PDB file of N, CA and C in Angstrom:
ATOM      1  N   MET A   1     -16.342 -83.927  58.047  1.00  0.00           N
ATOM      2  CA  MET A   1     -14.986 -83.869  58.189  1.00  0.00           C
ATOM      3  C   MET A   1     -14.088 -85.426  57.533  1.00  0.00           C
ATOM      4  N   PHE A   2     -13.255 -84.602  57.329  1.00  0.00           N
ATOM      5  CA  PHE A   2     -12.046 -85.676  56.616  1.00  0.00           C
ATOM      6  C   PHE A   2     -11.213 -85.961  57.188  1.00  0.00           C
ATOM      7  N   VAL A   3     -11.023 -87.480  57.667  1.00  0.00           N
ATOM      8  CA  VAL A   3     -10.162 -88.232  58.502  1.00  0.00           C
ATOM      9  C   VAL A   3      -8.984 -88.563  57.436  1.00  0.00           C
ATOM     10  N   VAL A   4      -7.556 -88.660  57.882  1.00  0.00           N
ATOM     11  CA  VAL A   4      -6.242 -89.476  57.592  1.00  0.00           C
ATOM     12  C   VAL A   4      -6.197 -90.162  58.183  1.00  0.00           C
ATOM     13  N   THR A   5      -6.064 -91.594  57.781  1.00  0.00           N
ATOM     14  CA  THR A   5      -5.822 -93.209  58.567  1.00  0.00           C
ATOM     15  C   THR A   5      -4.415 -92.827  58.522  1.00  0.00           C
ATOM     16  N   VAL A   6      -3.301 -93.020  59.283  1.00  0.00           N
ATOM     17  CA  VAL A   6      -1.904 -93.218  58.714  1.00  0.00           C
ATOM     18  C   VAL A   6      -1.681 -94.315  59.802  1.00  0.00           C
ATOM     19  N   LEU A   7      -1.356 -95.602  59.313  1.00  0.00           N
ATOM     20  CA  LEU A   7      -1.012 -96.804  59.967  1.00  0.00           C
ATOM     21  C   LEU A   7       0.359 -97.456  59.714  1.00  0.00           C
ATOM     22  N   TYR A   8       0.920 -97.603  60.961  1.00  0.00           N
ATOM     23  CA  TYR A   8       2.449 -98.183  60.529  1.00  0.00           C
ATOM     24  C   TYR A   8       2.283 -99.733  60.680  1.00  0.00           C
ATOM     25  N   PRO A   9       2.780-100.737  59.682  1.00  0.00           N
ATOM     26  CA  PRO A   9       2.653-101.940  59.463  1.00  0.00           C
ATOM     27  C   PRO A   9       3.385-102.500  60.754  1.00  0.00           C
ATOM     28  N   ASN A  10       2.807-103.612  61.329  1.00  0.00           N
ATOM     29  CA  ASN A  10       3.910-104.160  62.264  1.00  0.00           C
ATOM     30  C   ASN A  10       4.812-105.325  61.897  1.00  0.00           C
ATOM     31  N   GLU A  11       5.949-104.903  61.061  1.00  0.00           N
ATOM     32  CA  GLU A  11       6.632-105.545  60.464  1.00  0.00           C
ATOM     33  C   GLU A  11       7.480-106.291  61.130  1.00  0.00           C
ATOM     34  N   SER A  12       8.065-107.513  60.945  1.00  0.00           N
ATOM     35  CA  SER A  12       9.122-108.428  62.055  1.00  0.00           C
ATOM     36  C   SER A  12       9.933-107.436  61.500  1.00  0.00           C
ATOM     37  N   GLY A  13      10.775-107.282  62.650  1.00  0.00           N
ATOM     38  CA  GLY A  13      12.227-106.757  62.600  1.00  0.00           C
ATOM     39  C   GLY A  13      12.232-105.194  62.257  1.00  0.00           C
ATOM     40  N   SER A  14      10.925-104.558  62.478  1.00  0.00           N
ATOM     41  CA  SER A  14      10.854-102.943  62.304  1.00  0.00           C
ATOM     42  C   SER A  14      11.000-102.318  63.213  1.00  0.00           C
ATOM     43  N   LYS A  15      11.611-101.071  63.320  1.00  0.00           N
ATOM     44  CA  LYS A  15      11.612-100.307  64.049  1.00  0.00           C
ATOM     45  C   LYS A  15      10.703 -98.885  64.260  1.00  0.00           C
ATOM     46  N   PHE A  16      10.266 -98.985  65.717  1.00  0.00           N
ATOM     47  CA  PHE A  16       9.869 -97.543  65.840  1.00  0.00           C
ATOM     48  C   PHE A  16      10.300 -97.025  66.797  1.00  0.00           C
ATOM     49  N   ASP A  17      10.632 -95.652  67.269  1.00  0.00           N
ATOM     50  CA  ASP A  17      10.781 -94.898  68.031  1.00  0.00           C
ATOM     51  C   ASP A  17       9.805 -94.302  68.723  1.00  0.00           C
ATOM     52  N   HIS A  18       9.141 -94.578  70.045  1.00  0.00           N
ATOM     53  CA  HIS A  18       7.743 -93.960  70.473  1.00  0.00           C
ATOM     54  C   HIS A  18       8.139 -92.628  70.728  1.00  0.00           C
ATOM     55  N   VAL A  19       9.112 -92.341  71.542  1.00  0.00           N
ATOM     56  CA  VAL A  19       9.533 -90.901  71.988  1.00  0.00           C
ATOM     57  C   VAL A  19       9.450 -90.458  70.637  1.00  0.00           C
ATOM     58  N   TYR A  20      10.129 -90.322  70.257  1.00  0.00           N
ATOM     59  CA  TYR A  20      10.994 -89.386  69.041  1.00  0.00           C
ATOM     60  C   TYR A  20       9.119 -89.133  68.116  1.00  0.00           C
ATOM     61  N   TYR A  21       8.479 -90.169  67.527  1.00  0.00           N
ATOM     62  CA  TYR A  21       6.941 -89.821  67.222  1.00  0.00           C
ATOM     63  C   TYR A  21       6.195 -88.683  68.025  1.00  0.00           C
ATOM     64  N   ALA A  22       6.528 -89.453  69.587  1.00  0.00           N
ATOM     65  CA  ALA A  22       5.384 -88.577  70.117  1.00  0.00           C
ATOM     66  C   ALA A  22       5.825 -87.006  70.394  1.00  0.00           C
ATOM     67  N   GLN A  23       7.035 -86.987  70.877  1.00  0.00           N
ATOM     68  CA  GLN A  23       7.504 -85.790  71.174  1.00  0.00           C
ATOM     69  C   GLN A  23       7.946 -84.606  69.645  1.00  0.00           C
ATOM     70  N   LYS A  24       8.402 -85.487  68.615  1.00  0.00           N
ATOM     71  CA  LYS A  24       9.271 -84.062  67.899  1.00  0.00           C
ATOM     72  C   LYS A  24       7.576 -84.103  66.474  1.00  0.00           C
ATOM     73  N   HIS A  25       7.868 -85.727  65.901  1.00  0.00           N
ATOM     74  CA  HIS A  25       7.046 -86.083  65.034  1.00  0.00           C
ATOM     75  C   HIS A  25       5.528 -85.406  64.386  1.00  0.00           C
ATOM     76  N   ILE A  26       5.008 -85.614  66.112  1.00  0.00           N
ATOM     77  CA  ILE A  26       3.140 -85.332  66.159  1.00  0.00           C
ATOM     78  C   ILE A  26       3.229 -83.920  66.698  1.00  0.00           C
ATOM     79  N   PRO A  27       4.473 -83.183  67.176  1.00  0.00           N
ATOM     80  CA  PRO A  27       4.086 -81.940  67.240  1.00  0.00           C
ATOM     81  C   PRO A  27       4.303 -80.914  66.142  1.00  0.00           C
ATOM     82  N   LEU A  28       5.674 -81.620  64.922  1.00  0.00           N
ATOM     83  CA  LEU A  28       6.071 -80.800  63.733  1.00  0.00           C
ATOM     84  C   LEU A  28       4.606 -80.979  62.754  1.00  0.00           C
ATOM     85  N   VAL A  29       3.610 -82.251  62.778  1.00  0.00           N
ATOM     86  CA  VAL A  29       2.470 -82.464  62.322  1.00  0.00           C
ATOM     87  C   VAL A  29       1.568 -81.109  62.630  1.00  0.00           C
ATOM     88  N   ARG A  30       1.277 -80.926  64.106  1.00  0.00           N
ATOM     89  CA  ARG A  30       0.363 -80.185  64.643  1.00  0.00           C
ATOM     90  C   ARG A  30       1.131 -78.836  64.085  1.00  0.00           C
ATOM     91  N   GLU A  31       1.901 -78.225  64.025  1.00  0.00           N
ATOM     92  CA  GLU A  31       2.611 -76.872  64.064  1.00  0.00           C
ATOM     93  C   GLU A  31       2.414 -76.873  62.401  1.00  0.00           C
ATOM     94  N   ARG A  32       2.487 -77.632  61.682  1.00  0.00           N
ATOM     95  CA  ARG A  32       2.811 -77.143  60.238  1.00  0.00           C
ATOM     96  C   ARG A  32       1.507 -77.248  59.335  1.00  0.00           C
ATOM     97  N   TRP A  33       0.503 -78.303  60.015  1.00  0.00           N
ATOM     98  CA  TRP A  33      -0.738 -78.699  59.278  1.00  0.00           C
ATOM     99  C   TRP A  33      -1.866 -78.458  59.896  1.00  0.00           C
ATOM    100  N   ALA A  34      -2.154 -77.475  61.370  1.00  0.00           N
ATOM    101  CA  ALA A  34      -3.276 -76.701  62.008  1.00  0.00           C
ATOM    102  C   ALA A  34      -3.475 -75.422  61.230  1.00  0.00           C
ATOM    103  N   PRO A  35      -2.360 -74.342  61.131  1.00  0.00           N
ATOM    104  CA  PRO A  35      -2.749 -73.323  60.289  1.00  0.00           C
ATOM    105  C   PRO A  35      -3.377 -73.579  58.642  1.00  0.00           C
ATOM    106  N   MET A  36      -3.294 -74.839  58.416  1.00  0.00           N
ATOM    107  CA  MET A  36      -3.763 -75.261  57.270  1.00  0.00           C
ATOM    108  C   MET A  36      -5.010 -76.030  57.198  1.00  0.00           C
ATOM    109  N   GLY A  37      -5.626 -76.402  58.186  1.00  0.00           N
ATOM    110  CA  GLY A  37      -7.135 -76.796  58.275  1.00  0.00           C
ATOM    111  C   GLY A  37      -7.146 -78.415  59.612  1.00  0.00           C
ATOM    112  N   LEU A  38      -6.139 -78.553  60.141  1.00  0.00           N
ATOM    113  CA  LEU A  38      -6.010 -79.528  60.586  1.00  0.00           C
ATOM    114  C   LEU A  38      -6.813 -79.469  61.989  1.00  0.00           C
ATOM    115  N   LYS A  39      -7.860 -80.117  62.527  1.00  0.00           N
ATOM    116  CA  LYS A  39      -8.358 -80.059  63.413  1.00  0.00           C
ATOM    117  C   LYS A  39      -7.753 -80.598  64.744  1.00  0.00           C
ATOM    118  N   GLU A  40      -7.560 -81.997  64.608  1.00  0.00           N
ATOM    119  CA  GLU A  40      -7.225 -82.856  65.745  1.00  0.00           C
ATOM    120  C   GLU A  40      -6.883 -83.742  65.346  1.00  0.00           C
ATOM    121  N   VAL A  41      -5.465 -84.477  66.471  1.00  0.00           N
ATOM    122  CA  VAL A  41      -4.853 -85.521  65.805  1.00  0.00           C
ATOM    123  C   VAL A  41      -4.914 -86.823  66.838  1.00  0.00           C
ATOM    124  N   ARG A  42      -5.204 -87.641  66.917  1.00  0.00           N
ATOM    125  CA  ARG A  42      -5.399 -88.841  67.867  1.00  0.00           C
ATOM    126  C   ARG A  42      -4.677 -90.016  67.400  1.00  0.00           C
ATOM    127  N   VAL A  43      -3.747 -90.934  68.294  1.00  0.00           N
ATOM    128  CA  VAL A  43      -2.900 -91.317  67.948  1.00  0.00           C
ATOM    129  C   VAL A  43      -3.018 -92.734  69.348  1.00  0.00           C
ATOM    130  N   LEU A  44      -2.858 -93.776  68.427  1.00  0.00           N
ATOM    131  CA  LEU A  44      -3.645 -95.172  68.735  1.00  0.00           C
ATOM    132  C   LEU A  44      -2.139 -96.021  68.733  1.00  0.00           C
ATOM    133  N   ARG A  45      -1.557 -96.600  69.694  1.00  0.00           N
ATOM    134  CA  ARG A  45      -0.494 -96.958  70.253  1.00  0.00           C
ATOM    135  C   ARG A  45      -0.932 -98.896  70.650  1.00  0.00           C
ATOM    136  N   ALA A  46      -1.085 -99.687  69.417  1.00  0.00           N
ATOM    137  CA  ALA A  46      -1.283-100.772  69.366  1.00  0.00           C
ATOM    138  C   ALA A  46      -0.726-101.933  70.794  1.00  0.00           C
ATOM    139  N   VAL A  47      -1.852-102.604  71.179  1.00  0.00           N
ATOM    140  CA  VAL A  47      -1.537-103.126  72.582  1.00  0.00           C
ATOM    141  C   VAL A  47      -1.928-105.108  72.094  1.00  0.00           C
ATOM    142  N   GLY A  48      -2.454-105.078  71.020  1.00  0.00           N
ATOM    143  CA  GLY A  48      -2.831-106.282  70.884  1.00  0.00           C
ATOM    144  C   GLY A  48      -3.551-106.705  69.760  1.00  0.00           C
ATOM    145  N   ALA A  49      -4.257-108.101  69.706  1.00  0.00           N
ATOM    146  CA  ALA A  49      -5.089-108.275  68.991  1.00  0.00           C
ATOM    147  C   ALA A  49      -5.662-109.505  69.348  1.00  0.00           C
ATOM    148  N   PRO A  50      -6.881-109.288  68.633  1.00  0.00           N
ATOM    149  CA  PRO A  50      -8.129-110.454  69.178  1.00  0.00           C
ATOM    150  C   PRO A  50      -7.450-111.789  69.112  1.00  0.00           C
ATOM    151  N   GLY A  51      -7.656-112.740  69.976  1.00  0.00           N
ATOM    152  CA  GLY A  51      -7.033-114.293  70.507  1.00  0.00           C
ATOM    153  C   GLY A  51      -5.148-113.923  70.884  1.00  0.00           C
ATOM    154  N   GLY A  52      -4.833-112.782  70.999  1.00  0.00           N
ATOM    155  CA  GLY A  52      -3.565-112.760  71.771  1.00  0.00           C
ATOM    156  C   GLY A  52      -2.235-112.398  70.442  1.00  0.00           C
ATOM    157  N   GLY A  53      -2.630-112.438  69.458  1.00  0.00           N
ATOM    158  CA  GLY A  53      -1.172-112.665  68.279  1.00  0.00           C
ATOM    159  C   GLY A  53      -1.358-110.914  68.409  1.00  0.00           C
ATOM    160  N   PRO A  54      -0.081-110.631  67.896  1.00  0.00           N
ATOM    161  CA  PRO A  54       0.609-109.227  67.271  1.00  0.00           C
ATOM    162  C   PRO A  54      -0.286-108.759  66.847  1.00  0.00           C
ATOM    163  N   PRO A  55      -0.476-107.287  66.757  1.00  0.00           N
ATOM    164  CA  PRO A  55      -1.450-106.566  66.204  1.00  0.00           C
ATOM    165  C   PRO A  55      -0.690-106.351  64.752  1.00  0.00           C
ATOM    166  N   PRO A  56      -1.556-105.991  63.730  1.00  0.00           N
ATOM    167  CA  PRO A  56      -1.218-106.047  62.225  1.00  0.00           C
ATOM    168  C   PRO A  56      -0.763-104.326  61.936  1.00  0.00           C
ATOM    169  N   TYR A  57      -0.679-103.509  63.144  1.00  0.00           N
ATOM    170  CA  TYR A  57      -0.093-102.348  63.385  1.00  0.00           C
ATOM    171  C   TYR A  57       0.084-101.965  64.248  1.00  0.00           C
ATOM    172  N   GLN A  58       1.765-101.466  64.324  1.00  0.00           N
ATOM    173  CA  GLN A  58       2.111-100.913  65.815  1.00  0.00           C
ATOM    174  C   GLN A  58       1.839 -99.498  66.291  1.00  0.00           C
ATOM    175  N   MET A  59       1.067 -98.501  65.271  1.00  0.00           N
ATOM    176  CA  MET A  59       0.726 -97.334  65.599  1.00  0.00           C
ATOM    177  C   MET A  59      -0.139 -96.940  64.192  1.00  0.00           C
ATOM    178  N   ILE A  60      -1.295 -96.094  64.881  1.00  0.00           N
ATOM    179  CA  ILE A  60      -2.334 -95.798  63.949  1.00  0.00           C
ATOM    180  C   ILE A  60      -2.271 -93.927  64.686  1.00  0.00           C
ATOM    181  N   ALA A  61      -2.363 -93.300  63.130  1.00  0.00           N
ATOM    182  CA  ALA A  61      -2.797 -91.992  63.764  1.00  0.00           C
ATOM    183  C   ALA A  61      -4.293 -91.260  63.106  1.00  0.00           C
ATOM    184  N   LEU A  62      -5.068 -90.615  63.394  1.00  0.00           N
ATOM    185  CA  LEU A  62      -5.757 -89.983  62.826  1.00  0.00           C
ATOM    186  C   LEU A  62      -6.313 -89.011  62.695  1.00  0.00           C
ATOM    187  N   LEU A  63      -5.967 -88.046  61.573  1.00  0.00           N
ATOM    188  CA  LEU A  63      -6.024 -86.902  61.466  1.00  0.00           C
ATOM    189  C   LEU A  63      -7.335 -86.052  60.561  1.00  0.00           C
ATOM    190  N   ASP A  64      -7.616 -85.218  61.589  1.00  0.00           N
ATOM    191  CA  ASP A  64      -9.289 -84.603  61.157  1.00  0.00           C
ATOM    192  C   ASP A  64      -8.541 -83.484  60.511  1.00  0.00           C
ATOM    193  N   PHE A  65      -9.507 -83.269  59.459  1.00  0.00           N
ATOM    194  CA  PHE A  65      -9.685 -82.071  58.848  1.00  0.00           C
ATOM    195  C   PHE A  65     -10.770 -81.940  58.105  1.00  0.00           C
ATOM    196  N   GLY A  66     -10.858 -80.328  58.116  1.00  0.00           N
ATOM    197  CA  GLY A  66     -12.422 -79.880  57.728  1.00  0.00           C
ATOM    198  C   GLY A  66     -12.584 -80.254  56.219  1.00  0.00           C
ATOM    199  N   SER A  67     -11.683 -80.580  55.082  1.00  0.00           N
ATOM    200  CA  SER A  67     -11.970 -81.535  53.765  1.00  0.00           C
ATOM    201  C   SER A  67     -10.921 -82.044  53.475  1.00  0.00           C
ATOM    202  N   ARG A  68     -11.314 -82.518  52.123  1.00  0.00           N
ATOM    203  CA  ARG A  68     -10.142 -83.242  51.544  1.00  0.00           C
ATOM    204  C   ARG A  68      -8.956 -82.101  50.823  1.00  0.00           C
ATOM    205  N   ALA A  69      -9.702 -80.920  50.369  1.00  0.00           N
ATOM    206  CA  ALA A  69      -8.868 -79.581  49.880  1.00  0.00           C
ATOM    207  C   ALA A  69      -7.885 -79.446  50.730  1.00  0.00           C
ATOM    208  N   GLU A  70      -8.147 -79.099  52.237  1.00  0.00           N
ATOM    209  CA  GLU A  70      -7.561 -78.574  52.982  1.00  0.00           C
ATOM    210  C   GLU A  70      -6.039 -79.584  53.363  1.00  0.00           C
ATOM    211  N   PHE A  71      -6.329 -81.067  53.477  1.00  0.00           N
ATOM    212  CA  PHE A  71      -5.658 -82.010  53.475  1.00  0.00           C
ATOM    213  C   PHE A  71      -4.881 -81.769  52.461  1.00  0.00           C
ATOM    214  N   GLU A  72      -5.133 -81.498  51.414  1.00  0.00           N
ATOM    215  CA  GLU A  72      -4.005 -82.029  49.959  1.00  0.00           C
ATOM    216  C   GLU A  72      -3.133 -80.333  50.051  1.00  0.00           C
ATOM    217  N   ARG A  73      -3.873 -79.659  50.635  1.00  0.00           N
ATOM    218  CA  ARG A  73      -3.159 -78.043  50.547  1.00  0.00           C
ATOM    219  C   ARG A  73      -1.881 -78.437  51.606  1.00  0.00           C
ATOM    220  N   ALA A  74      -2.132 -78.762  52.904  1.00  0.00           N
ATOM    221  CA  ALA A  74      -1.491 -78.999  53.726  1.00  0.00           C
ATOM    222  C   ALA A  74      -0.348 -79.975  53.123  1.00  0.00           C
ATOM    223  N   VAL A  75      -0.203 -80.675  52.701  1.00  0.00           N
ATOM    224  CA  VAL A  75       0.425 -82.160  52.186  1.00  0.00           C
ATOM    225  C   VAL A  75       1.171 -81.506  51.065  1.00  0.00           C
ATOM    226  N   GLY A  76       0.479 -80.504  50.531  1.00  0.00           N
ATOM    227  CA  GLY A  76       1.337 -79.797  48.888  1.00  0.00           C
ATOM    228  C   GLY A  76       2.207 -78.636  49.697  1.00  0.00           C
ATOM    229  N   THR A  77       1.913 -78.295  51.118  1.00  0.00           N
ATOM    230  CA  THR A  77       2.069 -76.825  51.728  1.00  0.00           C
ATOM    231  C   THR A  77       3.779 -77.403  52.433  1.00  0.00           C
ATOM    232  N   HIS A  78       3.485 -78.544  53.046  1.00  0.00           N
ATOM    233  CA  HIS A  78       4.801 -79.432  54.000  1.00  0.00           C
ATOM    234  C   HIS A  78       4.811 -80.738  53.826  1.00  0.00           C
ATOM    235  N   GLY A  79       4.056 -81.395  52.955  1.00  0.00           N
ATOM    236  CA  GLY A  79       4.186 -82.691  52.918  1.00  0.00           C
ATOM    237  C   GLY A  79       5.641 -83.264  52.797  1.00  0.00           C
ATOM    238  N   PRO A  80       6.874 -83.051  51.820  1.00  0.00           N
ATOM    239  CA  PRO A  80       8.020 -83.282  51.918  1.00  0.00           C
ATOM    240  C   PRO A  80       8.774 -83.133  53.243  1.00  0.00           C
ATOM    241  N   GLU A  81       8.640 -82.125  54.022  1.00  0.00           N
ATOM    242  CA  GLU A  81       8.955 -82.239  55.597  1.00  0.00           C
ATOM    243  C   GLU A  81       8.373 -83.165  56.421  1.00  0.00           C
ATOM    244  N   ILE A  82       7.088 -83.359  56.281  1.00  0.00           N
ATOM    245  CA  ILE A  82       6.109 -84.507  56.978  1.00  0.00           C
ATOM    246  C   ILE A  82       6.798 -85.494  56.613  1.00  0.00           C
ATOM    247  N   LEU A  83       6.879 -85.913  55.505  1.00  0.00           N
ATOM    248  CA  LEU A  83       7.298 -87.096  55.278  1.00  0.00           C
ATOM    249  C   LEU A  83       8.491 -87.523  55.263  1.00  0.00           C
ATOM    250  N   GLY A  84      10.021 -86.444  55.030  1.00  0.00           N
ATOM    251  CA  GLY A  84      10.559 -86.663  55.175  1.00  0.00           C
ATOM    252  C   GLY A  84      11.044 -86.977  56.620  1.00  0.00           C
ATOM    253  N   ASP A  85      10.461 -86.583  57.618  1.00  0.00           N
ATOM    254  CA  ASP A  85      10.889 -87.194  59.170  1.00  0.00           C
ATOM    255  C   ASP A  85      10.641 -88.552  59.293  1.00  0.00           C
ATOM    256  N   VAL A  86       9.608 -89.136  58.625  1.00  0.00           N
ATOM    257  CA  VAL A  86       9.060 -90.449  58.785  1.00  0.00           C
ATOM    258  C   VAL A  86      10.510 -91.487  58.954  1.00  0.00           C
ATOM    259  N   PRO A  87      11.772 -91.456  58.086  1.00  0.00           N
ATOM    260  CA  PRO A  87      12.718 -91.927  58.657  1.00  0.00           C
ATOM    261  C   PRO A  87      13.765 -91.889  60.001  1.00  0.00           C
ATOM    262  N   HIS A  88      12.764 -91.175  60.646  1.00  0.00           N
ATOM    263  CA  HIS A  88      13.942 -90.778  62.043  1.00  0.00           C
ATOM    264  C   HIS A  88      13.242 -91.160  63.013  1.00  0.00           C
ATOM    265  N   PHE A  89      11.910 -92.201  62.779  1.00  0.00           N
ATOM    266  CA  PHE A  89      11.401 -92.366  64.201  1.00  0.00           C
ATOM    267  C   PHE A  89      10.913 -94.265  63.485  1.00  0.00           C
ATOM    268  N   THR A  90      10.439 -94.725  62.311  1.00  0.00           N
ATOM    269  CA  THR A  90      10.463 -95.837  61.718  1.00  0.00           C
ATOM    270  C   THR A  90      10.792 -96.041  60.765  1.00  0.00           C
ATOM    271  N   SER A  91      11.028 -97.931  60.903  1.00  0.00           N
ATOM    272  CA  SER A  91      11.694 -98.470  59.220  1.00  0.00           C
ATOM    273  C   SER A  91      11.051 -98.705  58.409  1.00  0.00           C
ATOM    274  N   VAL A  92       8.902 -98.882  58.771  1.00  0.00           N
ATOM    275  CA  VAL A  92       8.260 -98.698  57.771  1.00  0.00           C
ATOM    276  C   VAL A  92       7.746 -97.889  57.206  1.00  0.00           C
ATOM    277  N   GLN A  93       7.050 -98.329  55.763  1.00  0.00           N
ATOM    278  CA  GLN A  93       6.654 -97.578  55.127  1.00  0.00           C
ATOM    279  C   GLN A  93       4.904 -97.068  55.800  1.00  0.00           C
ATOM    280  N   PRO A  94       4.643 -95.800  56.238  1.00  0.00           N
ATOM    281  CA  PRO A  94       3.118 -95.801  56.698  1.00  0.00           C
ATOM    282  C   PRO A  94       1.938 -96.237  55.435  1.00  0.00           C
ATOM    283  N   VAL A  95       0.968 -96.499  55.847  1.00  0.00           N
ATOM    284  CA  VAL A  95      -0.080 -96.985  54.803  1.00  0.00           C
ATOM    285  C   VAL A  95      -1.287 -95.937  54.992  1.00  0.00           C
ATOM    286  N   LEU A  96      -1.577 -95.199  54.234  1.00  0.00           N
ATOM    287  CA  LEU A  96      -2.415 -94.095  54.229  1.00  0.00           C
ATOM    288  C   LEU A  96      -3.931 -94.146  53.989  1.00  0.00           C
ATOM    289  N   GLN A  97      -5.135 -94.113  54.289  1.00  0.00           N
ATOM    290  CA  GLN A  97      -6.261 -94.076  54.096  1.00  0.00           C
ATOM    291  C   GLN A  97      -7.308 -92.896  54.173  1.00  0.00           C
ATOM    292  N   PHE A  98      -7.998 -92.646  53.577  1.00  0.00           N
ATOM    293  CA  PHE A  98      -9.013 -91.214  53.383  1.00  0.00           C
ATOM    294  C   PHE A  98     -10.055 -91.792  54.116  1.00  0.00           C
ATOM    295  N   ASN A  99     -10.916 -91.274  54.807  1.00  0.00           N
ATOM    296  CA  ASN A  99     -11.913 -91.614  55.217  1.00  0.00           C
ATOM    297  C   ASN A  99     -12.989 -90.140  55.542  1.00  0.00           C
ATOM    298  N   GLU A 100     -14.174 -90.443  55.542  1.00  0.00           N
ATOM    299  CA  GLU A 100     -15.220 -89.087  55.726  1.00  0.00           C
ATOM    300  C   GLU A 100     -16.179 -89.342  56.928  1.00  0.00           C
ATOM    301  N   THR A 101     -16.847 -88.526  57.932  1.00  0.00           N
ATOM    302  CA  THR A 101     -17.490 -89.382  59.023  1.00  0.00           C
ATOM    303  C   THR A 101     -18.642 -89.269  58.545  1.00  0.00           C
ATOM    304  N   THR A 102     -19.316 -89.914  58.873  1.00  0.00           N
ATOM    305  CA  THR A 102     -20.893 -90.229  58.186  1.00  0.00           C
ATOM    306  C   THR A 102     -22.058 -89.781  59.177  1.00  0.00           C
ATOM    307  N   ASP A 103     -21.149 -89.072  60.213  1.00  0.00           N
ATOM    308  CA  ASP A 103     -22.800 -88.223  60.935  1.00  0.00           C
ATOM    309  C   ASP A 103     -22.349 -86.679  61.477  1.00  0.00           C
TER     310      ASP A 103
END
């Protein structure tokens, strides 16, 4: 399994519209990318960090694909639309990380 982690930094003064993200952006991602190999989307909303400090990321999305090739095909087809939607809900630049499951 190929997992794309999308991390939204918790920058001071940044905005993040959680309602838009949940009701518009994530459904758009599912609609466009599910036919192209997206298996599952998990969204994690930060609530804190060890020691009570602020979390380094305000939101994390985990996108499961069958392979990296499926992800690259999905981004190649619908990437501009998906990435173009980001400014509608946040002022931060998302950080992407590619992962493979080990089991």
